[in-house]
């Protein structure tokens, strides 16, 4: 059952933007998270004639410090709400006359989905359907309104040594996380075919970059190397992932939202594949240099641990459709993007400390008191 709320529960700041005239009022869900914050920053700065409404529940993965550089922009508003809260979402659509949605809010960590799948069902499935229903009801005439759903390549399952995921690849999700995202994808398509909603989908490969919660592979390894802690690698480390710089992903979402075809899905990939163990070893060498340590010192921290249940062997994206139709390609080679990413984490140790201590959760409350 969807939760009910009163308007008093809708916690908002920078509401002064409400009375300004914008050509679009875009709701970005999950905008305080890793990928979402990069997209919000891009849209706020690139499109001053759009009002960007960032809606986030601020779970453990949501961090408003990620957006401290845009929080005073007049075309930016933050709303704390749960996408499963029907009344809250109806109020947001009404209060801000939302014209479009870019939906990123999701539970996304596979390990957490194995430990507790119901939270993933509620957020990723029920929350998505609630958003779709509220958008349908608000947009009586859906002409011109866009609902862009951001999903994952994990819905396609696992590849062998050959082949790539295409937009026509059959769905074969293997984890509770990927199953919940596959279900949400199907509901988005259903609202297009049943109700005529103008939907677009994008399915991305593994993202990396600044501001990523340090339970994910790359920031976890960087932080552990800095602190000379063990570097846990699942199984033999031979699982393969395609890595996409988060800023390139944000630019792809921007391109698809504006120029992609209605009813279509676009795969977004970094066009480079690495085994987990090769990536970890590369990070070790890179940080040997950047930290002035002896060659091989960091690699000695690698520790092999029991493999994850149902661990998919290989993901690899074919982004030809996105390149051919919308002229998009990654802007950085992986090694360059990884060096930039490592430098950011080394230069922003306070950000990591706030995460590990939990003090980042107080940032919103402190900001809200002053509004």
Protein backbone atom coordinates (compact mmCIF):
# COMPACT_ATOMS: atom_id res chain seq x y z
CA UNK A 1 0.00 0.00 0.00
CA UNK A 2 1.27 3.48 -0.86
CA UNK A 3 2.00 5.75 2.07
CA UNK A 4 -0.12 8.84 2.65
CA UNK A 5 1.31 12.19 3.74
CA UNK A 6 0.29 15.76 4.33
CA UNK A 7 1.81 18.80 2.67
CA UNK A 8 3.60 19.43 5.96
CA UNK A 9 5.76 16.42 5.20
CA UNK A 10 6.95 17.94 1.94
CA UNK A 11 10.21 19.56 3.01
CA UNK A 12 11.33 22.12 0.45
CA UNK A 13 13.98 24.76 0.06
CA UNK A 14 14.73 27.46 -2.46
CA UNK A 15 11.00 27.78 -3.04
CA UNK A 16 11.56 31.30 -4.36
CA UNK A 17 12.09 29.70 -7.74
CA UNK A 18 8.38 28.76 -7.75
CA UNK A 19 7.20 32.14 -9.02
CA UNK A 20 9.66 32.38 -11.89
CA UNK A 21 8.77 31.56 -15.48
CA UNK A 22 10.47 28.53 -17.02
CA UNK A 23 10.02 26.73 -20.32
CA UNK A 24 10.14 23.36 -18.56
CA UNK A 25 9.69 22.21 -14.97
CA UNK A 26 11.69 18.98 -14.77
CA UNK A 27 11.41 16.60 -11.84
CA UNK A 28 14.63 14.64 -11.32
CA UNK A 29 14.19 11.83 -8.81
CA UNK A 30 17.17 10.55 -6.86
CA UNK A 31 19.02 13.76 -7.60
CA UNK A 32 21.07 13.68 -4.39
CA UNK A 33 22.60 10.33 -5.31
CA UNK A 34 25.74 9.60 -7.29
CA UNK A 35 24.50 9.72 -10.89
CA UNK A 36 21.55 11.97 -10.06
CA UNK A 37 23.68 14.73 -8.55
CA UNK A 38 25.86 14.88 -11.65
CA UNK A 39 22.77 15.12 -13.85
CA UNK A 40 21.17 17.79 -11.65
CA UNK A 41 24.34 19.88 -11.76
CA UNK A 42 24.55 19.59 -15.54
CA UNK A 43 20.88 20.52 -16.07
CA UNK A 44 20.84 23.41 -13.60
CA UNK A 45 23.94 25.00 -15.10
CA UNK A 46 23.26 24.23 -18.77
CA UNK A 47 19.57 25.17 -18.84
CA UNK A 48 18.87 28.27 -16.74
CA UNK A 49 15.49 28.51 -18.50
CA UNK A 50 14.44 25.18 -16.92
CA UNK A 51 13.32 24.78 -13.33
CA UNK A 52 15.00 21.66 -11.92
CA UNK A 53 13.14 20.08 -9.01
CA UNK A 54 15.35 17.54 -7.26
CA UNK A 55 13.30 15.01 -5.31
CA UNK A 56 15.17 12.61 -3.04
CA UNK A 57 14.24 10.56 0.02
CA UNK A 58 17.79 11.02 1.37
CA UNK A 59 18.46 7.42 2.25
CA UNK A 60 22.04 6.42 3.07
CA UNK A 61 23.08 6.95 -0.59
CA UNK A 62 21.62 10.48 -0.87
CA UNK A 63 23.99 13.30 0.02
CA UNK A 64 23.09 16.95 -0.45
CA UNK A 65 26.72 17.95 -0.07
CA UNK A 66 27.05 16.56 -3.59
CA UNK A 67 25.09 19.61 -4.76
CA UNK A 68 26.38 22.37 -2.47
CA UNK A 69 27.64 24.27 -5.54
CA UNK A 70 24.14 24.64 -7.05
CA UNK A 71 21.84 24.75 -4.03
CA UNK A 72 21.47 28.56 -4.22
CA UNK A 73 20.73 28.67 -7.95
CA UNK A 74 17.37 30.28 -8.64
CA UNK A 75 16.29 27.52 -11.04
CA UNK A 76 16.99 24.74 -8.50
CA UNK A 77 14.66 23.42 -5.82
CA UNK A 78 15.12 20.46 -3.52
CA UNK A 79 12.18 18.45 -2.16
CA UNK A 80 12.63 15.69 0.40
CA UNK A 81 10.05 13.01 -0.33
CA UNK A 82 9.63 9.30 -0.98
CA UNK A 83 8.61 8.26 -4.52
CA UNK A 84 6.29 5.70 -2.88
CA UNK A 85 4.41 8.50 -1.09
CA UNK A 86 1.47 9.09 -3.41
CA UNK A 87 0.22 12.30 -1.78
CA UNK A 88 3.68 13.84 -1.72
CA UNK A 89 4.26 13.13 -5.42
CA UNK A 90 0.83 14.52 -6.35
CA UNK A 91 1.69 17.70 -4.43
CA UNK A 92 5.02 18.06 -6.22
CA UNK A 93 3.41 17.74 -9.65
CA UNK A 94 0.78 20.30 -8.65
CA UNK A 95 2.99 22.80 -6.80
CA UNK A 96 5.67 22.92 -9.47
CA UNK A 97 3.54 22.24 -12.54
CA UNK A 98 5.93 19.45 -13.51
CA UNK A 99 6.22 19.08 -17.27
CA UNK A 100 8.77 16.24 -17.44
CA UNK A 101 10.36 13.54 -15.30
CA UNK A 102 13.84 12.06 -15.38
CA UNK A 103 13.62 9.12 -13.00
CA UNK A 104 16.82 7.90 -11.34
CA UNK A 105 15.68 7.19 -7.77
CA UNK A 106 16.42 3.56 -7.02
CA UNK A 107 17.97 1.12 -4.62
CA UNK A 108 20.98 -0.04 -6.62
CA UNK A 109 23.47 -2.10 -4.59
CA UNK A 110 23.30 -5.78 -5.55
CA UNK A 111 24.67 -7.02 -2.22
CA UNK A 112 21.98 -5.11 -0.33
CA UNK A 113 19.30 -6.55 -2.64
CA UNK A 114 20.45 -10.08 -1.80
CA UNK A 115 20.19 -9.32 1.91
CA UNK A 116 16.81 -7.55 1.69
CA UNK A 117 14.91 -7.72 -1.62
CA UNK A 118 11.62 -6.17 -0.42
CA UNK A 119 13.08 -2.68 -0.12
CA UNK A 120 14.13 -2.94 -3.76
CA UNK A 121 10.64 -4.05 -4.78
CA UNK A 122 9.07 -1.12 -2.96
CA UNK A 123 11.37 1.61 -4.25
CA UNK A 124 12.21 0.35 -7.72
CA UNK A 125 8.87 -1.18 -8.69
CA UNK A 126 6.12 0.37 -6.55
CA UNK A 127 7.83 3.77 -6.49
CA UNK A 128 8.22 3.80 -10.27
CA UNK A 129 4.58 2.84 -10.84
CA UNK A 130 3.49 5.54 -8.40
CA UNK A 131 5.48 8.14 -10.34
CA UNK A 132 4.04 6.93 -13.63
CA UNK A 133 0.48 7.05 -12.29
CA UNK A 134 0.93 10.54 -10.83
CA UNK A 135 2.48 11.76 -14.09
CA UNK A 136 -0.37 10.26 -16.11
CA UNK A 137 -2.98 11.91 -13.90
CA UNK A 138 -1.18 15.28 -13.96
CA UNK A 139 -0.60 15.24 -17.71
CA UNK A 140 -4.16 14.81 -18.93
CA UNK A 141 -2.85 15.55 -22.40
CA UNK A 142 0.57 13.89 -22.55
CA UNK A 143 1.65 15.61 -25.74
CA UNK A 144 5.02 17.24 -25.09
CA UNK A 145 5.51 15.70 -21.62
CA UNK A 146 8.40 13.25 -21.28
CA UNK A 147 9.04 10.51 -18.73
CA UNK A 148 12.67 9.37 -19.04
CA UNK A 149 13.43 6.25 -17.05
CA UNK A 150 17.09 5.56 -16.23
CA UNK A 151 17.86 1.86 -15.87
CA UNK A 152 20.77 -0.59 -15.92
CA UNK A 153 22.42 -3.11 -18.23
CA UNK A 154 21.96 -5.71 -15.50
CA UNK A 155 18.39 -6.32 -16.69
CA UNK A 156 19.87 -8.23 -19.64
CA UNK A 157 21.51 -10.84 -17.44
CA UNK A 158 25.02 -12.17 -17.91
CA UNK A 159 27.16 -12.53 -21.04
CA UNK A 160 29.65 -15.21 -21.95
CA UNK A 161 33.05 -14.46 -23.42
CA UNK A 162 31.53 -13.03 -26.62
CA UNK A 163 28.74 -10.67 -27.55
CA UNK A 164 27.30 -7.36 -26.38
CA UNK A 165 24.04 -6.20 -24.86
CA UNK A 166 21.85 -4.54 -27.50
CA UNK A 167 18.55 -2.78 -26.99
CA UNK A 168 16.91 -5.88 -28.53
CA UNK A 169 18.58 -8.31 -26.08
CA UNK A 170 16.00 -10.30 -24.14
CA UNK A 171 15.71 -9.50 -20.45
CA UNK A 172 17.20 -12.11 -18.12
CA UNK A 173 17.79 -10.48 -14.71
CA UNK A 174 19.69 -12.59 -12.18
CA UNK A 175 19.62 -10.64 -8.88
CA UNK A 176 16.79 -9.09 -6.84
CA UNK A 177 18.18 -5.67 -7.84
CA UNK A 178 18.21 -6.34 -11.58
CA UNK A 179 14.81 -8.06 -11.36
CA UNK A 180 13.30 -4.99 -9.72
CA UNK A 181 14.79 -2.73 -12.40
CA UNK A 182 13.56 -5.03 -15.18
CA UNK A 183 10.06 -4.86 -13.69
CA UNK A 184 10.19 -1.06 -13.59
CA UNK A 185 11.32 -0.98 -17.23
CA UNK A 186 8.33 -3.10 -18.21
CA UNK A 187 5.92 -0.82 -16.36
CA UNK A 188 7.37 2.24 -18.09
CA UNK A 189 6.83 0.60 -21.48
CA UNK A 190 3.33 -0.46 -20.43
CA UNK A 191 2.36 3.14 -19.67
CA UNK A 192 3.57 4.09 -23.15
CA UNK A 193 1.62 1.38 -24.94
CA UNK A 194 -1.49 1.49 -22.75
CA UNK A 195 -1.87 5.20 -22.02
CA UNK A 196 0.21 6.85 -24.74
CA UNK A 197 2.71 8.33 -22.30
CA UNK A 198 5.82 9.78 -23.95
CA UNK A 199 8.50 7.60 -22.43
CA UNK A 200 12.20 7.13 -23.06
CA UNK A 201 14.52 4.59 -21.45
CA UNK A 202 18.26 4.34 -21.05
CA UNK A 203 20.22 1.34 -19.77
CA UNK A 204 23.75 2.09 -18.61
CA UNK A 205 26.86 0.12 -17.70
CA UNK A 206 28.83 0.51 -14.45
CA UNK A 207 29.44 4.17 -13.60
CA UNK A 208 32.50 5.63 -11.91
CA UNK A 209 33.52 9.14 -10.92
CA UNK A 210 33.39 11.63 -8.07
CA UNK A 211 30.81 11.57 -5.26
CA UNK A 212 30.13 7.82 -5.46
CA UNK A 213 29.12 6.12 -2.21
CA UNK A 214 32.17 4.13 -1.03
CA UNK A 215 30.45 0.75 -0.93
CA UNK A 216 30.96 0.60 -4.71
CA UNK A 217 34.08 -1.01 -6.13
CA UNK A 218 36.22 1.95 -7.25
CA UNK A 219 35.72 4.36 -4.31
CA UNK A 220 35.91 1.44 -1.87
CA UNK A 221 39.26 0.36 -3.27
CA UNK A 222 40.62 3.93 -3.34
CA UNK A 223 39.61 4.55 0.26
CA UNK A 224 41.00 1.21 1.45
CA UNK A 225 44.28 1.76 -0.38
CA UNK A 226 44.69 5.20 1.18
CA UNK A 227 44.08 3.72 4.61
CA UNK A 228 46.12 0.54 3.92
CA UNK A 229 43.12 -1.71 4.52
CA UNK A 230 42.48 -5.06 2.78
CA UNK A 231 41.13 -4.86 -0.78
CA UNK A 232 38.33 -7.48 -0.96
CA UNK A 233 37.93 -9.07 -4.39
CA UNK A 234 35.08 -11.52 -5.05
CA UNK A 235 36.08 -15.02 -6.18
CA UNK A 236 39.01 -14.93 -8.59
CA UNK A 237 38.23 -11.38 -9.69
CA UNK A 238 37.59 -12.49 -13.26
CA UNK A 239 34.11 -10.94 -13.56
CA UNK A 240 34.06 -8.36 -16.37
CA UNK A 241 32.38 -4.95 -16.36
CA UNK A 242 32.12 -2.11 -18.87
CA UNK A 243 32.96 1.19 -17.14
CA UNK A 244 31.29 4.54 -17.91
CA UNK A 245 32.41 7.92 -16.56
CA UNK A 246 29.46 9.43 -14.71
CA UNK A 247 29.79 12.81 -16.44
CA UNK A 248 29.52 11.04 -19.80
CA UNK A 249 26.44 9.24 -18.54
CA UNK A 250 24.86 12.56 -17.52
CA UNK A 251 25.56 13.98 -20.98
CA UNK A 252 23.97 10.89 -22.57
CA UNK A 253 20.82 11.29 -20.45
CA UNK A 254 20.68 14.95 -21.50
CA UNK A 255 20.98 13.95 -25.18
CA UNK A 256 18.38 11.19 -24.95
CA UNK A 257 15.92 13.33 -23.00
CA UNK A 258 16.07 16.11 -25.58
CA UNK A 259 16.62 14.26 -28.84
CA UNK A 260 15.86 10.57 -28.35
CA UNK A 261 12.83 9.02 -29.99
CA UNK A 262 9.64 8.54 -27.98
CA UNK A 263 9.10 4.95 -26.87
CA UNK A 264 12.72 3.97 -27.51
CA UNK A 265 15.47 2.59 -25.28
CA UNK A 266 19.14 3.52 -25.62
CA UNK A 267 22.10 1.63 -24.19
CA UNK A 268 24.83 3.81 -22.68
CA UNK A 269 28.27 2.26 -22.26
CA UNK A 270 31.86 3.28 -21.70
CA UNK A 271 33.12 1.04 -24.53
CA UNK A 272 35.79 -0.57 -22.37
CA UNK A 273 35.79 -3.82 -20.42
CA UNK A 274 37.94 -4.72 -17.43
CA UNK A 275 38.06 -7.74 -15.17
CA UNK A 276 37.64 -6.75 -11.55
CA UNK A 277 41.10 -7.98 -10.62
CA UNK A 278 42.80 -6.10 -13.47
CA UNK A 279 40.98 -2.93 -12.44
CA UNK A 280 41.97 -3.32 -8.79
CA UNK A 281 45.60 -3.96 -9.74
CA UNK A 282 45.59 -0.92 -12.03
CA UNK A 283 44.23 1.22 -9.17
CA UNK A 284 46.95 -0.16 -6.91
CA UNK A 285 49.67 0.89 -9.34
CA UNK A 286 48.09 4.28 -9.97
CA UNK A 287 47.92 4.98 -6.25
CA UNK A 288 51.46 3.71 -5.70
CA UNK A 289 52.52 6.61 -7.92
CA UNK A 290 50.12 9.22 -6.56
CA UNK A 291 50.83 8.39 -2.90
CA UNK A 292 54.57 7.95 -3.38
CA UNK A 293 54.56 4.32 -2.28
CA UNK A 294 56.86 1.55 -3.46
CA UNK A 295 55.76 -0.32 -6.56
CA UNK A 296 53.58 -3.27 -5.56
CA UNK A 297 52.95 -2.02 -2.02
CA UNK A 298 49.24 -1.48 -2.56
CA UNK A 299 48.78 -4.71 -4.51
CA UNK A 300 49.85 -6.65 -1.41
CA UNK A 301 46.57 -5.51 0.19
CA UNK A 302 44.44 -7.56 -2.24
CA UNK A 303 42.38 -10.19 -0.43
CA UNK A 304 40.20 -12.74 -2.23
CA UNK A 305 36.83 -13.34 -0.58
CA UNK A 306 33.94 -15.76 -1.16
CA UNK A 307 32.10 -14.91 -4.36
CA UNK A 308 28.77 -13.08 -4.33
CA UNK A 309 25.69 -15.30 -4.72
CA UNK A 310 24.63 -15.45 -8.38
CA UNK A 311 27.48 -13.17 -9.47
CA UNK A 312 27.03 -12.26 -13.15
CA UNK A 313 30.17 -13.00 -15.15
CA UNK A 314 30.23 -10.28 -17.79
CA UNK A 315 28.39 -7.12 -18.81
CA UNK A 316 29.20 -5.28 -22.04
CA UNK A 317 27.19 -2.60 -23.79
CA UNK A 318 26.69 -1.99 -27.49
CA UNK A 319 26.04 1.77 -27.67
CA UNK A 320 25.90 1.90 -31.49
CA UNK A 321 22.28 3.07 -31.53
CA UNK A 322 23.09 6.03 -29.28
CA UNK A 323 26.10 6.94 -31.38
CA UNK A 324 24.34 6.62 -34.73
CA UNK A 325 21.09 8.35 -33.79
CA UNK A 326 22.26 10.97 -31.32
CA UNK A 327 25.99 11.35 -32.10
CA UNK A 328 27.07 10.44 -28.56
CA UNK A 329 30.33 8.79 -27.53
CA UNK A 330 32.28 8.75 -24.26
CA UNK A 331 34.48 11.83 -23.98
CA UNK A 332 37.30 10.24 -21.95
CA UNK A 333 39.44 7.14 -22.19
CA UNK A 334 39.03 5.02 -19.06
CA UNK A 335 42.58 5.54 -17.80
CA UNK A 336 42.18 9.34 -18.01
CA UNK A 337 38.80 9.28 -16.30
CA UNK A 338 40.12 6.96 -13.60
CA UNK A 339 43.08 9.27 -12.89
CA UNK A 340 40.70 12.25 -12.59
CA UNK A 341 38.47 10.21 -10.29
CA UNK A 342 41.34 9.11 -8.03
CA UNK A 343 42.57 12.71 -7.78
CA UNK A 344 39.10 13.87 -6.71
CA UNK A 345 38.92 11.33 -3.87
CA UNK A 346 42.45 12.16 -2.73
CA UNK A 347 41.64 15.88 -2.74
CA UNK A 348 38.29 15.42 -0.98
CA UNK A 349 39.15 13.20 1.96
CA UNK A 350 36.70 15.16 4.12
CA UNK A 351 33.84 13.99 1.87
CA UNK A 352 34.83 10.37 2.43
CA UNK A 353 35.21 10.96 6.18
CA UNK A 354 31.71 12.45 6.32
CA UNK A 355 30.37 9.34 4.61
CA UNK A 356 32.17 6.82 6.80
CA UNK A 357 31.27 8.70 9.99
CA UNK A 358 27.66 9.28 8.94
CA UNK A 359 27.87 13.05 9.55
CA UNK A 360 26.78 13.75 5.95
CA UNK A 361 23.25 12.74 7.00
CA UNK A 362 23.08 15.86 9.19
CA UNK A 363 23.77 18.25 6.29
CA UNK A 364 20.18 18.38 5.09
CA UNK A 365 18.80 18.92 8.59
CA UNK A 366 21.24 21.76 9.23
CA UNK A 367 20.38 23.39 5.91
CA UNK A 368 16.64 22.99 6.44
CA UNK A 369 16.79 24.74 9.84
CA UNK A 370 18.09 27.85 8.14
CA UNK A 371 15.37 28.01 5.49
